[in-house]
Amino acid sequence: MDAYCSCLRYMNRRVRILTKDGRQHVGVITNVDRNSVYLRTEHNGSVHTSAFFGNPFATNDILTLSLFTLLAIALI
């Protein structure tokens, strides 16, 4: 099963995502498109994307990960 289908299957559920660079991310999948998965995390109140690391005025904890960087997804 590819990353896109896995993310759709686990929408609105708490997951741990491992990326190819060895990073782990924990949160709830809130949205998926053909290029990215959007993960609501339990961090410090900033919005993160692959190219932008933090917005001190944001209230959402959403991490945007490219589907091409995902190595594994597990329910927790």
PDB file of N, CA and C in Angstrom:
ATOM      1  N   MET A   1       0.850  -1.181   0.000  1.00  0.00           N
ATOM      2  CA  MET A   1       0.000   0.000   0.000  1.00  0.00           C
ATOM      3  C   MET A   1       0.893   1.241   0.000  1.00  0.00           C
ATOM      4  N   ASP A   2       0.602   2.178  -0.836  1.00  0.00           N
ATOM      5  CA  ASP A   2       1.441   3.379  -0.902  1.00  0.00           C
ATOM      6  C   ASP A   2       1.093   4.354   0.227  1.00  0.00           C
ATOM      7  N   ALA A   3       1.934   5.364   0.385  1.00  0.00           N
ATOM      8  CA  ALA A   3       1.786   6.321   1.486  1.00  0.00           C
ATOM      9  C   ALA A   3       0.458   7.064   1.426  1.00  0.00           C
ATOM     10  N   TYR A   4       0.028   7.435   0.225  1.00  0.00           N
ATOM     11  CA  TYR A   4      -1.235   8.166   0.074  1.00  0.00           C
ATOM     12  C   TYR A   4      -2.407   7.339   0.618  1.00  0.00           C
ATOM     13  N   CYS A   5      -2.493   6.093   0.217  1.00  0.00           N
ATOM     14  CA  CYS A   5      -3.593   5.223   0.683  1.00  0.00           C
ATOM     15  C   CYS A   5      -3.509   4.985   2.187  1.00  0.00           C
ATOM     16  N   SER A   6      -2.297   4.811   2.696  1.00  0.00           N
ATOM     17  CA  SER A   6      -2.135   4.618   4.144  1.00  0.00           C
ATOM     18  C   SER A   6      -2.610   5.833   4.921  1.00  0.00           C
ATOM     19  N   CYS A   7      -2.251   7.013   4.436  1.00  0.00           N
ATOM     20  CA  CYS A   7      -2.664   8.238   5.123  1.00  0.00           C
ATOM     21  C   CYS A   7      -4.179   8.412   5.074  1.00  0.00           C
ATOM     22  N   LEU A   8      -4.779   8.110   3.936  1.00  0.00           N
ATOM     23  CA  LEU A   8      -6.252   8.184   3.849  1.00  0.00           C
ATOM     24  C   LEU A   8      -6.907   7.217   4.825  1.00  0.00           C
ATOM     25  N   ARG A   9      -6.349   6.044   4.927  1.00  0.00           N
ATOM     26  CA  ARG A   9      -6.897   5.020   5.822  1.00  0.00           C
ATOM     27  C   ARG A   9      -6.844   5.461   7.289  1.00  0.00           C
ATOM     28  N   TYR A  10      -5.804   6.221   7.638  1.00  0.00           N
ATOM     29  CA  TYR A  10      -5.603   6.635   9.025  1.00  0.00           C
ATOM     30  C   TYR A  10      -6.047   8.071   9.312  1.00  0.00           C
ATOM     31  N   MET A  11      -6.851   8.660   8.425  1.00  0.00           N
ATOM     32  CA  MET A  11      -7.361  10.024   8.643  1.00  0.00           C
ATOM     33  C   MET A  11      -8.060  10.125   9.999  1.00  0.00           C
ATOM     34  N   ASN A  12      -7.820  11.243  10.690  1.00  0.00           N
ATOM     35  CA  ASN A  12      -8.440  11.541  11.985  1.00  0.00           C
ATOM     36  C   ASN A  12      -8.062  10.552  13.076  1.00  0.00           C
ATOM     37  N   ARG A  13      -6.932   9.885  12.892  1.00  0.00           N
ATOM     38  CA  ARG A  13      -6.443   8.956  13.907  1.00  0.00           C
ATOM     39  C   ARG A  13      -5.026   9.356  14.307  1.00  0.00           C
ATOM     40  N   ARG A  14      -4.669   8.993  15.525  1.00  0.00           N
ATOM     41  CA  ARG A  14      -3.337   9.328  16.044  1.00  0.00           C
ATOM     42  C   ARG A  14      -2.323   8.336  15.482  1.00  0.00           C
ATOM     43  N   VAL A  15      -1.261   8.873  14.894  1.00  0.00           N
ATOM     44  CA  VAL A  15      -0.252   8.040  14.247  1.00  0.00           C
ATOM     45  C   VAL A  15       1.152   8.497  14.626  1.00  0.00           C
ATOM     46  N   ARG A  16       2.107   7.618  14.354  1.00  0.00           N
ATOM     47  CA  ARG A  16       3.530   7.957  14.399  1.00  0.00           C
ATOM     48  C   ARG A  16       4.039   7.779  12.982  1.00  0.00           C
ATOM     49  N   ILE A  17       4.653   8.827  12.436  1.00  0.00           N
ATOM     50  CA  ILE A  17       5.177   8.785  11.077  1.00  0.00           C
ATOM     51  C   ILE A  17       6.695   8.854  11.145  1.00  0.00           C
ATOM     52  N   LEU A  18       7.339   7.922  10.462  1.00  0.00           N
ATOM     53  CA  LEU A  18       8.784   7.898  10.341  1.00  0.00           C
ATOM     54  C   LEU A  18       9.140   8.327   8.926  1.00  0.00           C
ATOM     55  N   THR A  19      10.040   9.308   8.803  1.00  0.00           N
ATOM     56  CA  THR A  19      10.452   9.792   7.491  1.00  0.00           C
ATOM     57  C   THR A  19      11.793   9.177   7.099  1.00  0.00           C
ATOM     58  N   LYS A  20      12.127   9.283   5.832  1.00  0.00           N
ATOM     59  CA  LYS A  20      13.351   8.686   5.310  1.00  0.00           C
ATOM     60  C   LYS A  20      14.608   9.258   5.938  1.00  0.00           C
ATOM     61  N   ASP A  21      14.531  10.473   6.472  1.00  0.00           N
ATOM     62  CA  ASP A  21      15.702  11.068   7.117  1.00  0.00           C
ATOM     63  C   ASP A  21      15.827  10.678   8.589  1.00  0.00           C
ATOM     64  N   GLY A  22      14.962   9.765   9.066  1.00  0.00           N
ATOM     65  CA  GLY A  22      15.048   9.247  10.422  1.00  0.00           C
ATOM     66  C   GLY A  22      14.237   9.996  11.460  1.00  0.00           C
ATOM     67  N   ARG A  23      13.520  11.020  11.079  1.00  0.00           N
ATOM     68  CA  ARG A  23      12.708  11.776  12.029  1.00  0.00           C
ATOM     69  C   ARG A  23      11.390  11.052  12.303  1.00  0.00           C
ATOM     70  N   GLN A  24      10.894  11.223  13.537  1.00  0.00           N
ATOM     71  CA  GLN A  24       9.597  10.681  13.920  1.00  0.00           C
ATOM     72  C   GLN A  24       8.672  11.827  14.261  1.00  0.00           C
ATOM     73  N   HIS A  25       7.426  11.722  13.816  1.00  0.00           N
ATOM     74  CA  HIS A  25       6.411  12.733  14.085  1.00  0.00           C
ATOM     75  C   HIS A  25       5.174  12.023  14.614  1.00  0.00           C
ATOM     76  N   VAL A  26       4.601  12.566  15.688  1.00  0.00           N
ATOM     77  CA  VAL A  26       3.405  11.986  16.293  1.00  0.00           C
ATOM     78  C   VAL A  26       2.291  13.018  16.230  1.00  0.00           C
ATOM     79  N   GLY A  27       1.105  12.572  15.841  1.00  0.00           N
ATOM     80  CA  GLY A  27      -0.042  13.470  15.785  1.00  0.00           C
ATOM     81  C   GLY A  27      -1.219  12.811  15.106  1.00  0.00           C
ATOM     82  N   VAL A  28      -2.213  13.627  14.768  1.00  0.00           N
ATOM     83  CA  VAL A  28      -3.438  13.159  14.125  1.00  0.00           C
ATOM     84  C   VAL A  28      -3.432  13.652  12.681  1.00  0.00           C
ATOM     85  N   ILE A  29      -3.675  12.735  11.742  1.00  0.00           N
ATOM     86  CA  ILE A  29      -3.736  13.118  10.332  1.00  0.00           C
ATOM     87  C   ILE A  29      -5.038  13.880  10.109  1.00  0.00           C
ATOM     88  N   THR A  30      -4.911  15.129   9.674  1.00  0.00           N
ATOM     89  CA  THR A  30      -6.091  15.971   9.467  1.00  0.00           C
ATOM     90  C   THR A  30      -6.482  16.103   8.009  1.00  0.00           C
ATOM     91  N   ASN A  31      -5.521  15.905   7.098  1.00  0.00           N
ATOM     92  CA  ASN A  31      -5.818  16.026   5.671  1.00  0.00           C
ATOM     93  C   ASN A  31      -4.712  15.335   4.881  1.00  0.00           C
ATOM     94  N   VAL A  32      -5.055  14.908   3.673  1.00  0.00           N
ATOM     95  CA  VAL A  32      -4.098  14.276   2.776  1.00  0.00           C
ATOM     96  C   VAL A  32      -4.432  14.727   1.362  1.00  0.00           C
ATOM     97  N   ASP A  33      -3.400  15.088   0.607  1.00  0.00           N
ATOM     98  CA  ASP A  33      -3.594  15.290  -0.822  1.00  0.00           C
ATOM     99  C   ASP A  33      -2.556  14.428  -1.543  1.00  0.00           C
ATOM    100  N   ARG A  34      -2.476  14.523  -2.843  1.00  0.00           N
ATOM    101  CA  ARG A  34      -1.577  13.651  -3.602  1.00  0.00           C
ATOM    102  C   ARG A  34      -0.097  13.918  -3.340  1.00  0.00           C
ATOM    103  N   ASN A  35       0.232  15.038  -2.699  1.00  0.00           N
ATOM    104  CA  ASN A  35       1.634  15.373  -2.444  1.00  0.00           C
ATOM    105  C   ASN A  35       2.009  15.425  -0.974  1.00  0.00           C
ATOM    106  N   SER A  36       1.038  15.692  -0.097  1.00  0.00           N
ATOM    107  CA  SER A  36       1.361  15.964   1.305  1.00  0.00           C
ATOM    108  C   SER A  36       0.369  15.320   2.256  1.00  0.00           C
ATOM    109  N   VAL A  37       0.849  15.110   3.475  1.00  0.00           N
ATOM    110  CA  VAL A  37      -0.007  14.713   4.586  1.00  0.00           C
ATOM    111  C   VAL A  37       0.099  15.821   5.628  1.00  0.00           C
ATOM    112  N   TYR A  38      -1.022  16.161   6.242  1.00  0.00           N
ATOM    113  CA  TYR A  38      -1.091  17.244   7.228  1.00  0.00           C
ATOM    114  C   TYR A  38      -1.353  16.620   8.589  1.00  0.00           C
ATOM    115  N   LEU A  39      -0.420  16.831   9.496  1.00  0.00           N
ATOM    116  CA  LEU A  39      -0.437  16.179  10.798  1.00  0.00           C
ATOM    117  C   LEU A  39      -0.590  17.227  11.891  1.00  0.00           C
ATOM    118  N   ARG A  40      -1.667  17.109  12.693  1.00  0.00           N
ATOM    119  CA  ARG A  40      -1.836  17.995  13.854  1.00  0.00           C
ATOM    120  C   ARG A  40      -0.972  17.423  14.975  1.00  0.00           C
ATOM    121  N   THR A  41       0.021  18.188  15.361  1.00  0.00           N
ATOM    122  CA  THR A  41       0.997  17.709  16.339  1.00  0.00           C
ATOM    123  C   THR A  41       0.709  18.285  17.714  1.00  0.00           C
ATOM    124  N   GLU A  42       1.503  17.877  18.669  1.00  0.00           N
ATOM    125  CA  GLU A  42       1.358  18.326  20.052  1.00  0.00           C
ATOM    126  C   GLU A  42       2.550  19.178  20.435  1.00  0.00           C
ATOM    127  N   HIS A  43       2.902  20.147  19.570  1.00  0.00           N
ATOM    128  CA  HIS A  43       4.079  20.973  19.810  1.00  0.00           C
ATOM    129  C   HIS A  43       3.704  22.339  20.355  1.00  0.00           C
ATOM    130  N   ASN A  44       4.551  23.297  20.120  1.00  0.00           N
ATOM    131  CA  ASN A  44       4.523  24.576  20.813  1.00  0.00           C
ATOM    132  C   ASN A  44       3.596  25.631  20.229  1.00  0.00           C
ATOM    133  N   GLY A  45       2.652  25.282  19.356  1.00  0.00           N
ATOM    134  CA  GLY A  45       1.719  26.276  18.871  1.00  0.00           C
ATOM    135  C   GLY A  45       2.130  26.963  17.598  1.00  0.00           C
ATOM    136  N   SER A  46       3.086  26.409  16.865  1.00  0.00           N
ATOM    137  CA  SER A  46       3.494  27.033  15.612  1.00  0.00           C
ATOM    138  C   SER A  46       3.127  26.143  14.436  1.00  0.00           C
ATOM    139  N   VAL A  47       3.024  26.743  13.278  1.00  0.00           N
ATOM    140  CA  VAL A  47       2.707  26.010  12.061  1.00  0.00           C
ATOM    141  C   VAL A  47       4.008  25.677  11.362  1.00  0.00           C
ATOM    142  N   HIS A  48       4.162  24.426  10.950  1.00  0.00           N
ATOM    143  CA  HIS A  48       5.378  23.987  10.295  1.00  0.00           C
ATOM    144  C   HIS A  48       5.044  23.471   8.899  1.00  0.00           C
ATOM    145  N   THR A  49       5.856  23.809   7.937  1.00  0.00           N
ATOM    146  CA  THR A  49       5.779  23.195   6.609  1.00  0.00           C
ATOM    147  C   THR A  49       7.181  22.770   6.245  1.00  0.00           C
ATOM    148  N   SER A  50       7.332  22.088   5.114  1.00  0.00           N
ATOM    149  CA  SER A  50       8.649  21.619   4.743  1.00  0.00           C
ATOM    150  C   SER A  50       9.626  22.758   4.485  1.00  0.00           C
ATOM    151  N   ALA A  51       9.149  23.917   4.079  1.00  0.00           N
ATOM    152  CA  ALA A  51      10.041  25.019   3.743  1.00  0.00           C
ATOM    153  C   ALA A  51      10.019  26.128   4.786  1.00  0.00           C
ATOM    154  N   PHE A  52       9.112  26.090   5.741  1.00  0.00           N
ATOM    155  CA  PHE A  52       8.950  27.182   6.702  1.00  0.00           C
ATOM    156  C   PHE A  52       8.842  26.585   8.095  1.00  0.00           C
ATOM    157  N   PHE A  53       9.748  26.956   8.985  1.00  0.00           N
ATOM    158  CA  PHE A  53       9.797  26.327  10.295  1.00  0.00           C
ATOM    159  C   PHE A  53       9.350  27.262  11.400  1.00  0.00           C
ATOM    160  N   GLY A  54       8.078  27.574  11.430  1.00  0.00           N
ATOM    161  CA  GLY A  54       7.550  28.278  12.573  1.00  0.00           C
ATOM    162  C   GLY A  54       6.951  29.631  12.278  1.00  0.00           C
ATOM    163  N   ASN A  55       5.849  29.873  12.925  1.00  0.00           N
ATOM    164  CA  ASN A  55       5.154  31.146  12.856  1.00  0.00           C
ATOM    165  C   ASN A  55       4.685  31.443  14.267  1.00  0.00           C
ATOM    166  N   PRO A  56       5.317  32.360  14.957  1.00  0.00           N
ATOM    167  CA  PRO A  56       4.966  32.597  16.359  1.00  0.00           C
ATOM    168  C   PRO A  56       3.558  33.124  16.564  1.00  0.00           C
ATOM    169  N   PHE A  57       2.888  33.587  15.511  1.00  0.00           N
ATOM    170  CA  PHE A  57       1.539  34.121  15.650  1.00  0.00           C
ATOM    171  C   PHE A  57       0.462  33.099  15.325  1.00  0.00           C
ATOM    172  N   ALA A  58       0.827  31.929  14.889  1.00  0.00           N
ATOM    173  CA  ALA A  58      -0.145  30.904  14.503  1.00  0.00           C
ATOM    174  C   ALA A  58      -0.651  30.160  15.723  1.00  0.00           C
ATOM    175  N   THR A  59      -1.880  29.674  15.642  1.00  0.00           N
ATOM    176  CA  THR A  59      -2.457  28.918  16.743  1.00  0.00           C
ATOM    177  C   THR A  59      -2.617  27.448  16.416  1.00  0.00           C
ATOM    178  N   ASN A  60      -2.460  27.051  15.166  1.00  0.00           N
ATOM    179  CA  ASN A  60      -2.585  25.650  14.775  1.00  0.00           C
ATOM    180  C   ASN A  60      -1.237  24.964  14.857  1.00  0.00           C
ATOM    181  N   ASP A  61      -1.257  23.696  15.238  1.00  0.00           N
ATOM    182  CA  ASP A  61      -0.050  22.880  15.273  1.00  0.00           C
ATOM    183  C   ASP A  61      -0.135  21.890  14.120  1.00  0.00           C
ATOM    184  N   ILE A  62       0.077  22.349  12.905  1.00  0.00           N
ATOM    185  CA  ILE A  62      -0.040  21.495  11.727  1.00  0.00           C
ATOM    186  C   ILE A  62       1.336  21.333  11.095  1.00  0.00           C
ATOM    187  N   LEU A  63       1.741  20.097  10.919  1.00  0.00           N
ATOM    188  CA  LEU A  63       3.000  19.772  10.270  1.00  0.00           C
ATOM    189  C   LEU A  63       2.671  19.238   8.883  1.00  0.00           C
ATOM    190  N   THR A  64       3.257  19.810   7.847  1.00  0.00           N
ATOM    191  CA  THR A  64       3.048  19.362   6.480  1.00  0.00           C
ATOM    192  C   THR A  64       4.243  18.524   6.056  1.00  0.00           C
ATOM    193  N   LEU A  65       3.987  17.264   5.711  1.00  0.00           N
ATOM    194  CA  LEU A  65       5.050  16.364   5.281  1.00  0.00           C
ATOM    195  C   LEU A  65       4.794  15.931   3.854  1.00  0.00           C
ATOM    196  N   SER A  66       5.839  15.894   3.053  1.00  0.00           N
ATOM    197  CA  SER A  66       5.722  15.387   1.695  1.00  0.00           C
ATOM    198  C   SER A  66       5.528  13.877   1.740  1.00  0.00           C
ATOM    199  N   LEU A  67       4.591  13.368   0.950  1.00  0.00           N
ATOM    200  CA  LEU A  67       4.365  11.928   0.911  1.00  0.00           C
ATOM    201  C   LEU A  67       5.605  11.185   0.428  1.00  0.00           C
ATOM    202  N   PHE A  68       6.450  11.849  -0.344  1.00  0.00           N
ATOM    203  CA  PHE A  68       7.647  11.202  -0.882  1.00  0.00           C
ATOM    204  C   PHE A  68       8.705  10.956   0.186  1.00  0.00           C
ATOM    205  N   THR A  69       8.604  11.630   1.334  1.00  0.00           N
ATOM    206  CA  THR A  69       9.596  11.451   2.395  1.00  0.00           C
ATOM    207  C   THR A  69       9.176  10.410   3.435  1.00  0.00           C
ATOM    208  N   LEU A  70       7.948   9.886   3.343  1.00  0.00           N
ATOM    209  CA  LEU A  70       7.454   8.967   4.364  1.00  0.00           C
ATOM    210  C   LEU A  70       8.069   7.586   4.195  1.00  0.00           C
ATOM    211  N   LEU A  71       8.475   7.005   5.310  1.00  0.00           N
ATOM    212  CA  LEU A  71       9.019   5.662   5.306  1.00  0.00           C
ATOM    213  C   LEU A  71       8.025   4.685   5.922  1.00  0.00           C
ATOM    214  N   ALA A  72       7.366   5.091   7.027  1.00  0.00           N
ATOM    215  CA  ALA A  72       6.420   4.205   7.711  1.00  0.00           C
ATOM    216  C   ALA A  72       5.389   5.034   8.455  1.00  0.00           C
ATOM    217  N   ILE A  73       4.191   4.448   8.600  1.00  0.00           N
ATOM    218  CA  ILE A  73       3.099   5.065   9.363  1.00  0.00           C
ATOM    219  C   ILE A  73       2.527   3.980  10.263  1.00  0.00           C
ATOM    220  N   ALA A  74       2.368   4.296  11.555  1.00  0.00           N
ATOM    221  CA  ALA A  74       1.826   3.326  12.493  1.00  0.00           C
ATOM    222  C   ALA A  74       0.785   3.998  13.374  1.00  0.00           C
ATOM    223  N   LEU A  75      -0.295   3.292  13.638  1.00  0.00           N
ATOM    224  CA  LEU A  75      -1.290   3.767  14.607  1.00  0.00           C
ATOM    225  C   LEU A  75      -0.703   3.673  16.005  1.00  0.00           C
ATOM    226  N   ILE A  76      -1.024   4.677  16.836  1.00  0.00           N
ATOM    227  CA  ILE A  76      -0.595   4.596  18.244  1.00  0.00           C
ATOM    228  C   ILE A  76      -1.759   4.946  19.142  1.00  0.00           C
TER     229      ILE A  76
END
